[in-house]
Amino acid sequence: MKLFKLITGGLVMLVIGLFFWQNVPTFTTPLPFQLNLYIKEHLQWSLQVYVLLVLAGFLGFAVGIVLMLRPYFNVRRMLAHERQEKLQPVPPQPTQEAPPEKARENLQESKTESDG
């Protein structure tokens, strides 16, 4: 079975290599680009097709990796935040102070009037 996988993998690699070998003139064709912002002169440059394909592939790979790892980093950030909350001591709750004397007297008067 290992030999079969080796032969099959080799044949696939040969077909891929043959594809690239036959299309070398296409991949080396320069593509002209222009950028005109109407501020200064036209910017012109050219890139070969294979350079554009490689750049697009790396960009797609990088975006895929970032999107794949985004939930992982969010979970790590939440766990670190929870760990920090556990390490910090809980501040004491302020106790309610007794109401001033006049407020206490007014409260008692209002209770007696509502009872009677």
Foldseek 3Di string as FASTA:
>chain_A
DVVVVVVVVVVVVVVVVVVCVVCVVQQQDKDKDWDCPVPDDIDIDIDGNVVVVVVVVVVVVVVVVCVVCVVVVVVVVVVVVVVVVVPDDDDDDDDDDDDDPVVVVVVVVVVVVVVD
